Amino acid sequence: MDLVSSIPFCCFRFGSVVHGSKGEIRVASAQGGGSRDDVKLGEALAIRRGIFVAQDAGIWPIFIESDCLKCDKLA
């Protein structure tokens, strides 16, 4: 089943991309959930998911980048 079509319209979708030291994509993930009205929560969940994905792939240490300044400061 397509991920996008399986998530209700009222929910947000987020993804994480883990790049290697040379910029190559190592791992990517996407999922959804929560209220569309809480953008910061969506950004925080994407960061959290990216950390888990990187750990599962054995990629450590990691550096976090986000376009959400408030979330970037949390990391």
PDB file of N, CA and C in Angstrom:
ATOM      1  N   MET A   1       0.847  -1.181   0.000  1.00  0.00           N
ATOM      2  CA  MET A   1       0.000   0.000   0.000  1.00  0.00           C
ATOM      3  C   MET A   1       0.888   1.239   0.000  1.00  0.00           C
ATOM      4  N   ASP A   2       0.522   2.210  -0.767  1.00  0.00           N
ATOM      5  CA  ASP A   2       1.248   3.460  -0.843  1.00  0.00           C
ATOM      6  C   ASP A   2       1.111   4.219   0.472  1.00  0.00           C
ATOM      7  N   LEU A   3       2.242   4.677   1.045  1.00  0.00           N
ATOM      8  CA  LEU A   3       2.234   5.370   2.330  1.00  0.00           C
ATOM      9  C   LEU A   3       1.359   6.616   2.302  1.00  0.00           C
ATOM     10  N   VAL A   4       1.473   7.395   1.239  1.00  0.00           N
ATOM     11  CA  VAL A   4       0.725   8.649   1.169  1.00  0.00           C
ATOM     12  C   VAL A   4      -0.780   8.400   1.152  1.00  0.00           C
ATOM     13  N   SER A   5      -1.239   7.403   0.415  1.00  0.00           N
ATOM     14  CA  SER A   5      -2.671   7.158   0.320  1.00  0.00           C
ATOM     15  C   SER A   5      -3.233   6.495   1.574  1.00  0.00           C
ATOM     16  N   SER A   6      -2.367   5.952   2.437  1.00  0.00           N
ATOM     17  CA  SER A   6      -2.859   5.274   3.630  1.00  0.00           C
ATOM     18  C   SER A   6      -2.962   6.192   4.846  1.00  0.00           C
ATOM     19  N   ILE A   7      -2.544   7.447   4.718  1.00  0.00           N
ATOM     20  CA  ILE A   7      -2.579   8.384   5.839  1.00  0.00           C
ATOM     21  C   ILE A   7      -3.743   9.350   5.644  1.00  0.00           C
ATOM     22  N   PRO A   8      -4.593   9.516   6.661  1.00  0.00           N
ATOM     23  CA  PRO A   8      -5.719  10.450   6.527  1.00  0.00           C
ATOM     24  C   PRO A   8      -5.244  11.874   6.232  1.00  0.00           C
ATOM     25  N   PHE A   9      -6.092  12.658   5.567  1.00  0.00           N
ATOM     26  CA  PHE A   9      -5.743  14.033   5.193  1.00  0.00           C
ATOM     27  C   PHE A   9      -5.451  14.906   6.406  1.00  0.00           C
ATOM     28  N   CYS A  10      -6.027  14.580   7.559  1.00  0.00           N
ATOM     29  CA  CYS A  10      -5.847  15.413   8.752  1.00  0.00           C
ATOM     30  C   CYS A  10      -4.478  15.227   9.392  1.00  0.00           C
ATOM     31  N   CYS A  11      -3.674  14.320   8.887  1.00  0.00           N
ATOM     32  CA  CYS A  11      -2.371  14.025   9.485  1.00  0.00           C
ATOM     33  C   CYS A  11      -1.245  14.614   8.650  1.00  0.00           C
ATOM     34  N   PHE A  12      -0.099  14.848   9.285  1.00  0.00           N
ATOM     35  CA  PHE A  12       1.056  15.309   8.529  1.00  0.00           C
ATOM     36  C   PHE A  12       1.917  14.124   8.134  1.00  0.00           C
ATOM     37  N   ARG A  13       2.772  14.342   7.169  1.00  0.00           N
ATOM     38  CA  ARG A  13       3.704  13.336   6.700  1.00  0.00           C
ATOM     39  C   ARG A  13       5.105  13.888   6.899  1.00  0.00           C
ATOM     40  N   PHE A  14       6.032  13.034   7.282  1.00  0.00           N
ATOM     41  CA  PHE A  14       7.395  13.514   7.457  1.00  0.00           C
ATOM     42  C   PHE A  14       8.373  12.438   7.006  1.00  0.00           C
ATOM     43  N   GLY A  15       9.560  12.888   6.677  1.00  0.00           N
ATOM     44  CA  GLY A  15      10.585  11.964   6.235  1.00  0.00           C
ATOM     45  C   GLY A  15      11.936  12.366   6.770  1.00  0.00           C
ATOM     46  N   SER A  16      12.839  11.428   6.728  1.00  0.00           N
ATOM     47  CA  SER A  16      14.207  11.660   7.168  1.00  0.00           C
ATOM     48  C   SER A  16      15.148  11.084   6.128  1.00  0.00           C
ATOM     49  N   VAL A  17      16.228  11.784   5.884  1.00  0.00           N
ATOM     50  CA  VAL A  17      17.255  11.304   4.966  1.00  0.00           C
ATOM     51  C   VAL A  17      18.585  11.370   5.709  1.00  0.00           C
ATOM     52  N   VAL A  18      19.304  10.255   5.720  1.00  0.00           N
ATOM     53  CA  VAL A  18      20.613  10.199   6.363  1.00  0.00           C
ATOM     54  C   VAL A  18      21.658  10.151   5.265  1.00  0.00           C
ATOM     55  N   HIS A  19      22.527  11.173   5.260  1.00  0.00           N
ATOM     56  CA  HIS A  19      23.590  11.274   4.261  1.00  0.00           C
ATOM     57  C   HIS A  19      24.908  10.803   4.865  1.00  0.00           C
ATOM     58  N   GLY A  20      25.762  10.245   4.024  1.00  0.00           N
ATOM     59  CA  GLY A  20      27.110   9.874   4.441  1.00  0.00           C
ATOM     60  C   GLY A  20      28.011  11.097   4.449  1.00  0.00           C
ATOM     61  N   SER A  21      29.257  10.899   4.827  1.00  0.00           N
ATOM     62  CA  SER A  21      30.201  12.019   4.954  1.00  0.00           C
ATOM     63  C   SER A  21      30.507  12.690   3.618  1.00  0.00           C
ATOM     64  N   LYS A  22      30.245  12.005   2.500  1.00  0.00           N
ATOM     65  CA  LYS A  22      30.490  12.583   1.173  1.00  0.00           C
ATOM     66  C   LYS A  22      29.214  13.063   0.506  1.00  0.00           C
ATOM     67  N   GLY A  23      28.112  13.082   1.269  1.00  0.00           N
ATOM     68  CA  GLY A  23      26.845  13.581   0.750  1.00  0.00           C
ATOM     69  C   GLY A  23      25.945  12.529   0.137  1.00  0.00           C
ATOM     70  N   GLU A  24      26.399  11.285   0.070  1.00  0.00           N
ATOM     71  CA  GLU A  24      25.582  10.231  -0.515  1.00  0.00           C
ATOM     72  C   GLU A  24      24.446   9.838   0.436  1.00  0.00           C
ATOM     73  N   ILE A  25      23.318   9.485  -0.130  1.00  0.00           N
ATOM     74  CA  ILE A  25      22.188   9.056   0.699  1.00  0.00           C
ATOM     75  C   ILE A  25      22.462   7.648   1.195  1.00  0.00           C
ATOM     76  N   ARG A  26      22.438   7.490   2.515  1.00  0.00           N
ATOM     77  CA  ARG A  26      22.686   6.175   3.126  1.00  0.00           C
ATOM     78  C   ARG A  26      21.385   5.469   3.482  1.00  0.00           C
ATOM     79  N   VAL A  27      20.439   6.213   4.061  1.00  0.00           N
ATOM     80  CA  VAL A  27      19.166   5.646   4.504  1.00  0.00           C
ATOM     81  C   VAL A  27      18.108   6.737   4.393  1.00  0.00           C
ATOM     82  N   ALA A  28      16.877   6.345   4.068  1.00  0.00           N
ATOM     83  CA  ALA A  28      15.759   7.292   4.041  1.00  0.00           C
ATOM     84  C   ALA A  28      14.527   6.604   4.605  1.00  0.00           C
ATOM     85  N   SER A  29      13.654   7.392   5.207  1.00  0.00           N
ATOM     86  CA  SER A  29      12.404   6.833   5.727  1.00  0.00           C
ATOM     87  C   SER A  29      11.309   7.881   5.621  1.00  0.00           C
ATOM     88  N   ALA A  30      10.069   7.407   5.638  1.00  0.00           N
ATOM     89  CA  ALA A  30       8.918   8.314   5.611  1.00  0.00           C
ATOM     90  C   ALA A  30       7.796   7.688   6.410  1.00  0.00           C
ATOM     91  N   GLN A  31       7.047   8.513   7.093  1.00  0.00           N
ATOM     92  CA  GLN A  31       5.868   8.052   7.803  1.00  0.00           C
ATOM     93  C   GLN A  31       4.982   9.245   8.103  1.00  0.00           C
ATOM     94  N   GLY A  32       3.889   9.028   8.782  1.00  0.00           N
ATOM     95  CA  GLY A  32       2.973  10.111   9.075  1.00  0.00           C
ATOM     96  C   GLY A  32       2.240   9.887  10.370  1.00  0.00           C
ATOM     97  N   GLY A  33       1.568  10.942  10.802  1.00  0.00           N
ATOM     98  CA  GLY A  33       0.777  10.869  12.024  1.00  0.00           C
ATOM     99  C   GLY A  33       0.634  12.238  12.639  1.00  0.00           C
ATOM    100  N   GLY A  34      -0.185  12.364  13.646  1.00  0.00           N
ATOM    101  CA  GLY A  34      -0.346  13.635  14.346  1.00  0.00           C
ATOM    102  C   GLY A  34      -1.240  14.610  13.619  1.00  0.00           C
ATOM    103  N   SER A  35      -1.367  15.775  14.188  1.00  0.00           N
ATOM    104  CA  SER A  35      -2.220  16.827  13.639  1.00  0.00           C
ATOM    105  C   SER A  35      -1.449  17.676  12.646  1.00  0.00           C
ATOM    106  N   ARG A  36      -2.072  17.995  11.516  1.00  0.00           N
ATOM    107  CA  ARG A  36      -1.421  18.850  10.502  1.00  0.00           C
ATOM    108  C   ARG A  36      -1.129  20.238  11.020  1.00  0.00           C
ATOM    109  N   ASP A  37      -1.793  20.646  12.084  1.00  0.00           N
ATOM    110  CA  ASP A  37      -1.657  22.019  12.575  1.00  0.00           C
ATOM    111  C   ASP A  37      -0.404  22.234  13.412  1.00  0.00           C
ATOM    112  N   ASP A  38       0.293  21.181  13.791  1.00  0.00           N
ATOM    113  CA  ASP A  38       1.464  21.321  14.650  1.00  0.00           C
ATOM    114  C   ASP A  38       2.735  21.030  13.862  1.00  0.00           C
ATOM    115  N   VAL A  39       3.227  22.054  13.178  1.00  0.00           N
ATOM    116  CA  VAL A  39       4.390  21.901  12.304  1.00  0.00           C
ATOM    117  C   VAL A  39       5.636  21.558  13.104  1.00  0.00           C
ATOM    118  N   LYS A  40       5.825  22.214  14.259  1.00  0.00           N
ATOM    119  CA  LYS A  40       7.012  21.935  15.067  1.00  0.00           C
ATOM    120  C   LYS A  40       7.045  20.485  15.533  1.00  0.00           C
ATOM    121  N   LEU A  41       5.892  19.932  15.867  1.00  0.00           N
ATOM    122  CA  LEU A  41       5.838  18.529  16.267  1.00  0.00           C
ATOM    123  C   LEU A  41       6.257  17.634  15.107  1.00  0.00           C
ATOM    124  N   GLY A  42       5.785  17.941  13.919  1.00  0.00           N
ATOM    125  CA  GLY A  42       6.174  17.166  12.741  1.00  0.00           C
ATOM    126  C   GLY A  42       7.673  17.213  12.501  1.00  0.00           C
ATOM    127  N   GLU A  43       8.265  18.391  12.635  1.00  0.00           N
ATOM    128  CA  GLU A  43       9.713  18.537  12.464  1.00  0.00           C
ATOM    129  C   GLU A  43      10.461  17.748  13.530  1.00  0.00           C
ATOM    130  N   ALA A  44      10.004  17.832  14.777  1.00  0.00           N
ATOM    131  CA  ALA A  44      10.659  17.106  15.871  1.00  0.00           C
ATOM    132  C   ALA A  44      10.556  15.591  15.666  1.00  0.00           C
ATOM    133  N   LEU A  45       9.397  15.114  15.213  1.00  0.00           N
ATOM    134  CA  LEU A  45       9.232  13.686  14.959  1.00  0.00           C
ATOM    135  C   LEU A  45      10.124  13.213  13.808  1.00  0.00           C
ATOM    136  N   ALA A  46      10.303  14.053  12.802  1.00  0.00           N
ATOM    137  CA  ALA A  46      11.182  13.695  11.685  1.00  0.00           C
ATOM    138  C   ALA A  46      12.628  13.581  12.165  1.00  0.00           C
ATOM    139  N   ILE A  47      13.051  14.505  13.026  1.00  0.00           N
ATOM    140  CA  ILE A  47      14.406  14.445  13.576  1.00  0.00           C
ATOM    141  C   ILE A  47      14.570  13.176  14.413  1.00  0.00           C
ATOM    142  N   ARG A  48      13.591  12.920  15.266  1.00  0.00           N
ATOM    143  CA  ARG A  48      13.631  11.732  16.128  1.00  0.00           C
ATOM    144  C   ARG A  48      13.697  10.449  15.290  1.00  0.00           C
ATOM    145  N   ARG A  49      12.868  10.391  14.266  1.00  0.00           N
ATOM    146  CA  ARG A  49      12.849   9.216  13.390  1.00  0.00           C
ATOM    147  C   ARG A  49      14.189   9.062  12.683  1.00  0.00           C
ATOM    148  N   GLY A  50      14.764  10.169  12.247  1.00  0.00           N
ATOM    149  CA  GLY A  50      16.073  10.127  11.591  1.00  0.00           C
ATOM    150  C   GLY A  50      17.165   9.599  12.503  1.00  0.00           C
ATOM    151  N   ILE A  51      17.114   9.965  13.780  1.00  0.00           N
ATOM    152  CA  ILE A  51      18.086   9.454  14.749  1.00  0.00           C
ATOM    153  C   ILE A  51      17.949   7.937  14.877  1.00  0.00           C
ATOM    154  N   PHE A  52      16.707   7.453  15.004  1.00  0.00           N
ATOM    155  CA  PHE A  52      16.481   6.008  15.122  1.00  0.00           C
ATOM    156  C   PHE A  52      16.933   5.262  13.867  1.00  0.00           C
ATOM    157  N   VAL A  53      16.630   5.823  12.708  1.00  0.00           N
ATOM    158  CA  VAL A  53      17.016   5.189  11.443  1.00  0.00           C
ATOM    159  C   VAL A  53      18.535   5.118  11.331  1.00  0.00           C
ATOM    160  N   ALA A  54      19.212   6.197  11.695  1.00  0.00           N
ATOM    161  CA  ALA A  54      20.682   6.212  11.645  1.00  0.00           C
ATOM    162  C   ALA A  54      21.267   5.183  12.611  1.00  0.00           C
ATOM    163  N   GLN A  55      20.727   5.109  13.815  1.00  0.00           N
ATOM    164  CA  GLN A  55      21.222   4.136  14.791  1.00  0.00           C
ATOM    165  C   GLN A  55      21.006   2.710  14.293  1.00  0.00           C
ATOM    166  N   ASP A  56      19.815   2.429  13.754  1.00  0.00           N
ATOM    167  CA  ASP A  56      19.519   1.085  13.244  1.00  0.00           C
ATOM    168  C   ASP A  56      20.461   0.693  12.107  1.00  0.00           C
ATOM    169  N   ALA A  57      20.905   1.684  11.338  1.00  0.00           N
ATOM    170  CA  ALA A  57      21.813   1.418  10.215  1.00  0.00           C
ATOM    171  C   ALA A  57      23.276   1.398  10.666  1.00  0.00           C
ATOM    172  N   GLY A  58      23.520   1.632  11.960  1.00  0.00           N
ATOM    173  CA  GLY A  58      24.887   1.624  12.479  1.00  0.00           C
ATOM    174  C   GLY A  58      25.663   2.879  12.146  1.00  0.00           C
ATOM    175  N   ILE A  59      24.965   3.956  11.839  1.00  0.00           N
ATOM    176  CA  ILE A  59      25.628   5.218  11.491  1.00  0.00           C
ATOM    177  C   ILE A  59      25.715   6.071  12.751  1.00  0.00           C
ATOM    178  N   TRP A  60      26.939   6.307  13.192  1.00  0.00           N
ATOM    179  CA  TRP A  60      27.158   7.105  14.406  1.00  0.00           C
ATOM    180  C   TRP A  60      28.575   7.578  14.397  1.00  0.00           C
ATOM    181  N   PRO A  61      28.918   8.792  14.731  1.00  0.00           N
ATOM    182  CA  PRO A  61      28.066   9.873  15.223  1.00  0.00           C
ATOM    183  C   PRO A  61      27.246  10.471  14.091  1.00  0.00           C
ATOM    184  N   ILE A  62      26.266  11.274  14.476  1.00  0.00           N
ATOM    185  CA  ILE A  62      25.415  11.951  13.502  1.00  0.00           C
ATOM    186  C   ILE A  62      25.409  13.452  13.765  1.00  0.00           C
ATOM    187  N   PHE A  63      25.102  14.210  12.734  1.00  0.00           N
ATOM    188  CA  PHE A  63      24.920  15.651  12.832  1.00  0.00           C
ATOM    189  C   PHE A  63      23.522  15.948  12.301  1.00  0.00           C
ATOM    190  N   ILE A  64      22.761  16.719  13.035  1.00  0.00           N
ATOM    191  CA  ILE A  64      21.367  16.973  12.676  1.00  0.00           C
ATOM    192  C   ILE A  64      21.235  18.342  12.023  1.00  0.00           C
ATOM    193  N   GLU A  65      20.526  18.386  10.904  1.00  0.00           N
ATOM    194  CA  GLU A  65      20.202  19.635  10.217  1.00  0.00           C
ATOM    195  C   GLU A  65      18.699  19.684  10.007  1.00  0.00           C
ATOM    196  N   SER A  66      18.123  20.856  10.195  1.00  0.00           N
ATOM    197  CA  SER A  66      16.686  21.032  10.007  1.00  0.00           C
ATOM    198  C   SER A  66      16.425  22.436   9.502  1.00  0.00           C
ATOM    199  N   ASP A  67      15.303  22.609   8.801  1.00  0.00           N
ATOM    200  CA  ASP A  67      14.922  23.955   8.378  1.00  0.00           C
ATOM    201  C   ASP A  67      14.031  24.630   9.423  1.00  0.00           C
ATOM    202  N   CYS A  68      13.819  23.977  10.549  1.00  0.00           N
ATOM    203  CA  CYS A  68      13.025  24.530  11.650  1.00  0.00           C
ATOM    204  C   CYS A  68      13.985  24.987  12.747  1.00  0.00           C
ATOM    205  N   LEU A  69      14.161  26.298  12.908  1.00  0.00           N
ATOM    206  CA  LEU A  69      15.134  26.814  13.856  1.00  0.00           C
ATOM    207  C   LEU A  69      14.873  26.351  15.287  1.00  0.00           C
ATOM    208  N   LYS A  70      13.618  26.305  15.702  1.00  0.00           N
ATOM    209  CA  LYS A  70      13.308  25.889  17.073  1.00  0.00           C
ATOM    210  C   LYS A  70      13.682  24.428  17.284  1.00  0.00           C
ATOM    211  N   CYS A  71      13.476  23.587  16.302  1.00  0.00           N
ATOM    212  CA  CYS A  71      13.823  22.175  16.424  1.00  0.00           C
ATOM    213  C   CYS A  71      15.331  21.983  16.319  1.00  0.00           C
ATOM    214  N   ASP A  72      15.970  22.768  15.503  1.00  0.00           N
ATOM    215  CA  ASP A  72      17.423  22.668  15.325  1.00  0.00           C
ATOM    216  C   ASP A  72      18.137  22.942  16.640  1.00  0.00           C
ATOM    217  N   LYS A  73      17.621  23.867  17.437  1.00  0.00           N
ATOM    218  CA  LYS A  73      18.226  24.201  18.724  1.00  0.00           C
ATOM    219  C   LYS A  73      18.050  23.085  19.746  1.00  0.00           C
ATOM    220  N   LEU A  74      16.991  22.269  19.607  1.00  0.00           N
ATOM    221  CA  LEU A  74      16.778  21.158  20.519  1.00  0.00           C
ATOM    222  C   LEU A  74      17.850  20.090  20.350  1.00  0.00           C
ATOM    223  N   ALA A  75      18.289  19.916  19.128  1.00  0.00           N
ATOM    224  CA  ALA A  75      19.291  18.884  18.845  1.00  0.00           C
ATOM    225  C   ALA A  75      20.637  19.349  19.353  1.00  0.00           C
TER     226      ALA A  75
END
